[in-house]
């Protein structure tokens, strides 16, 4: 039987999500995750996020300070972007190919993507939580 600590998923704050070094780490992981699954269209990714969150209904989302985080409806977060074009913009690199081309100003979308990566690809948790 797993202990209750394994059911806790830590949620990054807006400040953590927008911190340049942490932003870059999440961006690099996100690019690798998406590029590793070329069959995953942007819309399929949104569907996959919903499935992953539903399958992990036993998880407890909390900020590091212990405050609970209520997972919002994924479709509401991306309501004005049903084709997930923002994902393509988020994943674009600059000329060096080592840095993001632009910085997202939508921390809730970044947070959802952060949690999705932690649930679907737990091997990246230690990188996302540094």
N, C-alpha and C. Protein backbone atom coordinates (compact mmCIF):
# COMPACT_ATOMS: atom_id res chain seq x y z
N UNK A 1 0.84 -1.19 0.00
CA UNK A 1 0.00 0.00 0.00
C UNK A 1 0.88 1.24 0.00
N UNK A 2 0.58 2.17 -0.87
CA UNK A 2 1.37 3.40 -0.96
C UNK A 2 1.03 4.32 0.21
N UNK A 3 2.03 5.07 0.63
CA UNK A 3 1.75 6.02 1.70
C UNK A 3 1.06 7.25 1.14
N UNK A 4 0.45 8.03 2.03
CA UNK A 4 -0.33 9.18 1.58
C UNK A 4 0.55 10.26 0.96
N UNK A 5 1.84 10.29 1.33
CA UNK A 5 2.74 11.29 0.76
C UNK A 5 2.87 11.13 -0.75
N UNK A 6 2.81 9.88 -1.25
CA UNK A 6 2.94 9.66 -2.69
C UNK A 6 1.72 10.17 -3.45
N UNK A 7 0.66 10.47 -2.74
CA UNK A 7 -0.54 10.99 -3.39
C UNK A 7 -0.52 12.51 -3.50
N UNK A 8 0.46 13.15 -2.88
CA UNK A 8 0.54 14.62 -2.94
C UNK A 8 1.34 15.02 -4.17
N UNK A 9 0.77 15.94 -4.93
CA UNK A 9 1.46 16.52 -6.08
C UNK A 9 1.62 18.00 -5.77
N UNK A 10 2.86 18.45 -5.76
CA UNK A 10 3.11 19.85 -5.43
C UNK A 10 2.87 20.75 -6.63
N UNK A 11 2.21 21.85 -6.36
CA UNK A 11 1.79 22.80 -7.38
C UNK A 11 2.69 24.03 -7.32
N UNK A 12 3.24 24.45 -8.46
CA UNK A 12 4.09 25.65 -8.45
C UNK A 12 3.26 26.94 -8.37
N UNK A 13 3.82 27.92 -7.71
CA UNK A 13 3.18 29.24 -7.64
C UNK A 13 3.41 29.98 -8.95
N UNK A 14 2.70 31.10 -9.13
CA UNK A 14 2.92 31.93 -10.31
C UNK A 14 4.37 32.37 -10.39
N UNK A 15 4.93 32.79 -9.25
CA UNK A 15 6.32 33.26 -9.23
C UNK A 15 7.28 32.16 -9.67
N UNK A 16 7.04 30.94 -9.22
CA UNK A 16 7.91 29.83 -9.62
C UNK A 16 7.77 29.53 -11.11
N UNK A 17 6.55 29.57 -11.61
CA UNK A 17 6.33 29.29 -13.02
C UNK A 17 6.98 30.32 -13.93
N UNK A 18 7.02 31.56 -13.48
CA UNK A 18 7.55 32.64 -14.31
C UNK A 18 9.01 32.98 -14.02
N UNK A 19 9.61 32.29 -13.05
CA UNK A 19 11.02 32.46 -12.75
C UNK A 19 11.82 31.97 -13.96
N UNK A 20 12.67 32.82 -14.57
CA UNK A 20 13.32 32.44 -15.84
C UNK A 20 14.02 31.08 -15.85
N UNK A 21 14.86 30.73 -14.87
CA UNK A 21 15.49 29.40 -14.94
C UNK A 21 14.47 28.26 -14.83
N UNK A 22 13.47 28.40 -13.97
CA UNK A 22 12.46 27.35 -13.82
C UNK A 22 11.57 27.28 -15.06
N UNK A 23 11.27 28.44 -15.62
CA UNK A 23 10.46 28.48 -16.84
C UNK A 23 11.17 27.71 -17.95
N UNK A 24 12.47 27.95 -18.09
CA UNK A 24 13.26 27.30 -19.14
C UNK A 24 13.30 25.79 -18.94
N UNK A 25 13.46 25.33 -17.71
CA UNK A 25 13.47 23.89 -17.45
C UNK A 25 12.14 23.26 -17.86
N UNK A 26 11.03 23.87 -17.45
CA UNK A 26 9.73 23.32 -17.83
C UNK A 26 9.56 23.36 -19.33
N UNK A 27 10.00 24.43 -19.95
CA UNK A 27 9.88 24.56 -21.41
C UNK A 27 10.66 23.44 -22.10
N UNK A 28 11.89 23.18 -21.65
CA UNK A 28 12.71 22.13 -22.28
C UNK A 28 12.06 20.76 -22.10
N UNK A 29 11.55 20.48 -20.91
CA UNK A 29 10.88 19.20 -20.68
C UNK A 29 9.63 19.10 -21.55
N UNK A 30 8.84 20.16 -21.59
CA UNK A 30 7.62 20.16 -22.40
C UNK A 30 7.94 19.90 -23.87
N UNK A 31 8.97 20.56 -24.37
CA UNK A 31 9.36 20.33 -25.78
C UNK A 31 9.73 18.88 -26.02
N UNK A 32 10.52 18.32 -25.12
CA UNK A 32 10.94 16.93 -25.28
C UNK A 32 9.76 15.97 -25.20
N UNK A 33 8.84 16.22 -24.30
CA UNK A 33 7.66 15.36 -24.14
C UNK A 33 6.81 15.41 -25.41
N UNK A 34 6.57 16.59 -25.92
CA UNK A 34 5.72 16.73 -27.11
C UNK A 34 6.43 16.20 -28.35
N UNK A 35 7.72 16.48 -28.48
CA UNK A 35 8.46 16.00 -29.66
C UNK A 35 8.61 14.47 -29.66
N UNK A 36 8.59 13.87 -28.48
CA UNK A 36 8.71 12.41 -28.39
C UNK A 36 7.44 11.70 -28.82
N UNK A 37 6.37 12.45 -28.97
CA UNK A 37 5.08 11.87 -29.38
C UNK A 37 4.53 12.64 -30.57
N UNK A 38 5.15 12.49 -31.74
CA UNK A 38 4.71 13.28 -32.91
C UNK A 38 3.28 12.99 -33.34
N UNK A 39 2.75 11.83 -32.94
CA UNK A 39 1.37 11.50 -33.29
C UNK A 39 0.36 12.27 -32.44
N UNK A 40 0.86 12.96 -31.41
CA UNK A 40 -0.02 13.69 -30.49
C UNK A 40 -0.25 15.11 -31.03
N UNK A 41 -1.42 15.30 -31.62
CA UNK A 41 -1.77 16.64 -32.10
C UNK A 41 -2.04 17.54 -30.90
N UNK A 42 -2.14 18.83 -31.16
CA UNK A 42 -2.43 19.77 -30.06
C UNK A 42 -3.76 19.43 -29.41
N UNK A 43 -4.76 19.15 -30.20
CA UNK A 43 -6.09 18.83 -29.65
C UNK A 43 -6.05 17.51 -28.87
N UNK A 44 -5.32 16.53 -29.40
CA UNK A 44 -5.20 15.25 -28.69
C UNK A 44 -4.47 15.45 -27.36
N UNK A 45 -3.55 16.39 -27.33
CA UNK A 45 -2.84 16.67 -26.09
C UNK A 45 -3.82 17.20 -25.03
N UNK A 46 -4.72 18.07 -25.43
CA UNK A 46 -5.73 18.57 -24.51
C UNK A 46 -6.60 17.42 -23.99
N UNK A 47 -6.99 16.52 -24.88
CA UNK A 47 -7.77 15.35 -24.47
C UNK A 47 -6.95 14.46 -23.54
N UNK A 48 -5.66 14.29 -23.85
CA UNK A 48 -4.80 13.47 -23.01
C UNK A 48 -4.65 14.07 -21.61
N UNK A 49 -4.56 15.39 -21.54
CA UNK A 49 -4.48 16.04 -20.24
C UNK A 49 -5.72 15.71 -19.41
N UNK A 50 -6.88 15.80 -20.02
CA UNK A 50 -8.12 15.49 -19.30
C UNK A 50 -8.13 14.05 -18.81
N UNK A 51 -7.67 13.13 -19.64
CA UNK A 51 -7.63 11.71 -19.27
C UNK A 51 -6.65 11.48 -18.13
N UNK A 52 -5.47 12.07 -18.23
CA UNK A 52 -4.44 11.88 -17.19
C UNK A 52 -4.94 12.43 -15.85
N UNK A 53 -5.56 13.60 -15.85
CA UNK A 53 -6.07 14.15 -14.60
C UNK A 53 -7.20 13.28 -14.03
N UNK A 54 -8.05 12.76 -14.90
CA UNK A 54 -9.15 11.89 -14.44
C UNK A 54 -8.61 10.59 -13.85
N UNK A 55 -7.58 10.03 -14.46
CA UNK A 55 -7.00 8.78 -13.97
C UNK A 55 -6.27 8.96 -12.64
N UNK A 56 -5.92 10.18 -12.31
CA UNK A 56 -5.17 10.46 -11.08
C UNK A 56 -6.05 11.18 -10.07
N UNK A 57 -7.31 10.80 -10.02
CA UNK A 57 -8.26 11.43 -9.12
C UNK A 57 -7.94 11.23 -7.65
N UNK A 58 -7.07 10.28 -7.34
CA UNK A 58 -6.69 10.04 -5.94
C UNK A 58 -5.58 10.98 -5.47
N UNK A 59 -5.03 11.77 -6.38
CA UNK A 59 -3.95 12.68 -6.03
C UNK A 59 -4.50 13.91 -5.32
N UNK A 60 -3.68 14.47 -4.45
CA UNK A 60 -4.00 15.69 -3.72
C UNK A 60 -3.03 16.76 -4.20
N UNK A 61 -3.57 17.83 -4.72
CA UNK A 61 -2.73 18.91 -5.23
C UNK A 61 -2.58 19.97 -4.14
N UNK A 62 -1.32 20.32 -3.84
CA UNK A 62 -1.04 21.31 -2.79
C UNK A 62 0.14 22.17 -3.20
N UNK A 63 0.04 23.43 -2.75
CA UNK A 63 1.21 24.30 -2.84
C UNK A 63 2.17 23.88 -1.74
N UNK A 64 3.41 24.26 -1.85
CA UNK A 64 4.43 23.89 -0.85
C UNK A 64 4.07 24.37 0.56
N UNK A 65 3.32 25.47 0.64
CA UNK A 65 2.95 25.99 1.96
C UNK A 65 1.78 25.22 2.59
N UNK A 66 1.31 24.18 1.90
CA UNK A 66 0.24 23.35 2.42
C UNK A 66 -1.15 23.73 1.95
N UNK A 67 -1.27 24.89 1.31
CA UNK A 67 -2.59 25.31 0.80
C UNK A 67 -3.04 24.36 -0.31
N UNK A 68 -4.30 23.97 -0.27
CA UNK A 68 -4.81 23.06 -1.31
C UNK A 68 -4.96 23.80 -2.65
N UNK A 69 -4.87 23.06 -3.71
CA UNK A 69 -5.10 23.57 -5.05
C UNK A 69 -6.21 22.73 -5.66
N UNK A 70 -7.24 23.39 -6.11
CA UNK A 70 -8.35 22.69 -6.76
C UNK A 70 -8.10 22.74 -8.26
N UNK A 71 -7.99 21.58 -8.83
CA UNK A 71 -7.73 21.47 -10.26
C UNK A 71 -8.91 22.06 -11.03
N UNK A 72 -8.66 23.08 -11.86
CA UNK A 72 -9.76 23.66 -12.62
C UNK A 72 -10.15 22.77 -13.81
N UNK A 73 -11.25 23.07 -14.41
CA UNK A 73 -11.68 22.36 -15.61
C UNK A 73 -10.71 22.71 -16.74
N UNK A 74 -10.10 21.71 -17.32
CA UNK A 74 -9.10 21.91 -18.37
C UNK A 74 -9.69 22.68 -19.55
N UNK A 75 -10.91 22.33 -19.94
CA UNK A 75 -11.53 23.00 -21.08
C UNK A 75 -11.77 24.48 -20.79
N UNK A 76 -11.99 24.83 -19.54
CA UNK A 76 -12.16 26.25 -19.19
C UNK A 76 -10.84 27.01 -19.29
N UNK A 77 -9.76 26.36 -18.89
CA UNK A 77 -8.44 27.01 -18.94
C UNK A 77 -8.07 27.33 -20.38
N UNK A 78 -8.42 26.43 -21.29
CA UNK A 78 -8.08 26.62 -22.70
C UNK A 78 -9.31 27.00 -23.53
N UNK A 79 -10.32 27.57 -22.90
CA UNK A 79 -11.59 27.88 -23.57
C UNK A 79 -11.43 28.77 -24.79
N UNK A 80 -10.57 29.78 -24.69
CA UNK A 80 -10.41 30.68 -25.84
C UNK A 80 -9.33 30.19 -26.80
N UNK A 81 -8.88 28.95 -26.60
CA UNK A 81 -7.84 28.37 -27.45
C UNK A 81 -8.10 26.87 -27.65
N UNK A 82 -9.27 26.50 -28.20
CA UNK A 82 -9.61 25.08 -28.31
C UNK A 82 -8.67 24.30 -29.23
N UNK A 83 -7.98 24.99 -30.13
CA UNK A 83 -7.03 24.32 -31.03
C UNK A 83 -5.63 24.26 -30.44
N UNK A 84 -5.48 24.81 -29.22
CA UNK A 84 -4.21 24.77 -28.49
C UNK A 84 -3.06 25.43 -29.28
N UNK A 85 -3.37 26.49 -29.99
CA UNK A 85 -2.31 27.22 -30.69
C UNK A 85 -1.29 27.79 -29.70
N UNK A 86 -1.78 28.10 -28.50
CA UNK A 86 -0.88 28.63 -27.48
C UNK A 86 0.23 27.62 -27.16
N UNK A 87 -0.08 26.32 -27.30
CA UNK A 87 0.94 25.31 -27.06
C UNK A 87 2.05 25.42 -28.10
N UNK A 88 1.69 25.60 -29.35
CA UNK A 88 2.70 25.77 -30.39
C UNK A 88 3.56 26.99 -30.12
N UNK A 89 2.91 28.08 -29.71
CA UNK A 89 3.67 29.30 -29.39
C UNK A 89 4.59 29.07 -28.20
N UNK A 90 4.08 28.38 -27.19
CA UNK A 90 4.86 28.10 -25.98
C UNK A 90 6.10 27.26 -26.31
N UNK A 91 5.97 26.30 -27.19
CA UNK A 91 7.06 25.38 -27.48
C UNK A 91 8.08 25.91 -28.48
N UNK A 92 7.80 27.03 -29.14
CA UNK A 92 8.75 27.58 -30.11
C UNK A 92 10.04 27.98 -29.42
N UNK A 93 11.14 27.76 -30.13
CA UNK A 93 12.44 28.16 -29.60
C UNK A 93 12.94 29.41 -30.33
N UNK A 94 13.90 30.06 -29.72
CA UNK A 94 14.53 31.19 -30.39
C UNK A 94 15.54 30.66 -31.41
N UNK A 95 16.34 31.54 -31.98
CA UNK A 95 17.28 31.16 -33.03
C UNK A 95 18.32 30.15 -32.53
N UNK A 96 18.64 30.20 -31.24
CA UNK A 96 19.64 29.30 -30.68
C UNK A 96 19.11 27.87 -30.53
N UNK A 97 17.81 27.71 -30.48
CA UNK A 97 17.13 26.44 -30.26
C UNK A 97 17.28 25.94 -28.82
N UNK A 98 17.84 26.78 -27.94
CA UNK A 98 18.05 26.40 -26.53
C UNK A 98 17.19 27.20 -25.56
N UNK A 99 16.47 28.16 -26.07
CA UNK A 99 15.65 29.02 -25.22
C UNK A 99 14.29 29.23 -25.87
N UNK A 100 13.29 29.49 -25.04
CA UNK A 100 11.96 29.76 -25.62
C UNK A 100 11.94 31.06 -26.41
N UNK A 101 11.16 31.08 -27.45
CA UNK A 101 11.04 32.29 -28.27
C UNK A 101 10.29 33.39 -27.52
N UNK A 102 9.28 32.99 -26.78
CA UNK A 102 8.48 33.95 -26.03
C UNK A 102 8.14 33.37 -24.67
N UNK A 103 7.74 34.24 -23.77
CA UNK A 103 7.37 33.83 -22.42
C UNK A 103 5.85 33.91 -22.28
N UNK A 104 5.26 32.83 -21.88
CA UNK A 104 3.81 32.80 -21.68
C UNK A 104 3.45 33.68 -20.48
N UNK A 105 2.37 34.39 -20.61
CA UNK A 105 1.87 35.22 -19.50
C UNK A 105 0.60 34.62 -18.91
N UNK A 106 0.43 33.33 -19.11
CA UNK A 106 -0.76 32.62 -18.62
C UNK A 106 -0.30 31.56 -17.60
N UNK A 107 -0.04 31.97 -16.36
CA UNK A 107 0.48 31.01 -15.39
C UNK A 107 -0.43 29.81 -15.14
N UNK A 108 -1.73 29.98 -15.26
CA UNK A 108 -2.61 28.84 -15.01
C UNK A 108 -2.42 27.76 -16.08
N UNK A 109 -2.20 28.16 -17.31
CA UNK A 109 -1.91 27.17 -18.37
C UNK A 109 -0.58 26.50 -18.10
N UNK A 110 0.41 27.28 -17.70
CA UNK A 110 1.72 26.71 -17.37
C UNK A 110 1.60 25.72 -16.20
N UNK A 111 0.78 26.07 -15.23
CA UNK A 111 0.58 25.21 -14.06
C UNK A 111 -0.06 23.89 -14.47
N UNK A 112 -1.07 23.95 -15.31
CA UNK A 112 -1.74 22.74 -15.77
C UNK A 112 -0.75 21.86 -16.54
N UNK A 113 0.06 22.47 -17.37
CA UNK A 113 1.04 21.69 -18.13
C UNK A 113 2.09 21.10 -17.19
N UNK A 114 2.49 21.85 -16.17
CA UNK A 114 3.44 21.36 -15.17
C UNK A 114 2.87 20.12 -14.47
N UNK A 115 1.63 20.19 -14.05
CA UNK A 115 1.01 19.07 -13.35
C UNK A 115 0.81 17.87 -14.28
N UNK A 116 0.46 18.14 -15.51
CA UNK A 116 0.31 17.08 -16.51
C UNK A 116 1.64 16.33 -16.68
N UNK A 117 2.72 17.06 -16.80
CA UNK A 117 4.04 16.42 -16.96
C UNK A 117 4.35 15.59 -15.72
N UNK A 118 4.10 16.13 -14.54
CA UNK A 118 4.39 15.39 -13.30
C UNK A 118 3.60 14.09 -13.21
N UNK A 119 2.36 14.11 -13.66
CA UNK A 119 1.52 12.92 -13.59
C UNK A 119 1.84 11.92 -14.70
N UNK A 120 2.03 12.39 -15.89
CA UNK A 120 2.26 11.48 -17.02
C UNK A 120 3.71 11.02 -17.11
N UNK A 121 4.63 11.89 -16.71
CA UNK A 121 6.06 11.59 -16.81
C UNK A 121 6.74 11.88 -15.47
N UNK A 122 6.46 11.08 -14.46
CA UNK A 122 6.97 11.38 -13.12
C UNK A 122 8.49 11.43 -13.02
N UNK A 123 9.19 10.89 -14.00
CA UNK A 123 10.66 10.95 -13.96
C UNK A 123 11.18 12.38 -14.03
N UNK A 124 10.32 13.33 -14.44
CA UNK A 124 10.74 14.73 -14.55
C UNK A 124 10.44 15.54 -13.30
N UNK A 125 9.78 14.95 -12.31
CA UNK A 125 9.39 15.72 -11.12
C UNK A 125 10.58 16.37 -10.47
N UNK A 126 11.67 15.64 -10.30
CA UNK A 126 12.83 16.22 -9.59
C UNK A 126 13.38 17.44 -10.33
N UNK A 127 13.25 17.47 -11.65
CA UNK A 127 13.73 18.64 -12.42
C UNK A 127 12.78 19.81 -12.29
N UNK A 128 11.49 19.51 -12.24
CA UNK A 128 10.49 20.57 -12.15
C UNK A 128 10.39 21.17 -10.75
N UNK A 129 10.87 20.46 -9.76
CA UNK A 129 10.74 20.94 -8.38
C UNK A 129 12.04 21.46 -7.78
N UNK A 130 13.04 21.67 -8.60
CA UNK A 130 14.32 22.23 -8.09
C UNK A 130 14.15 23.67 -7.72
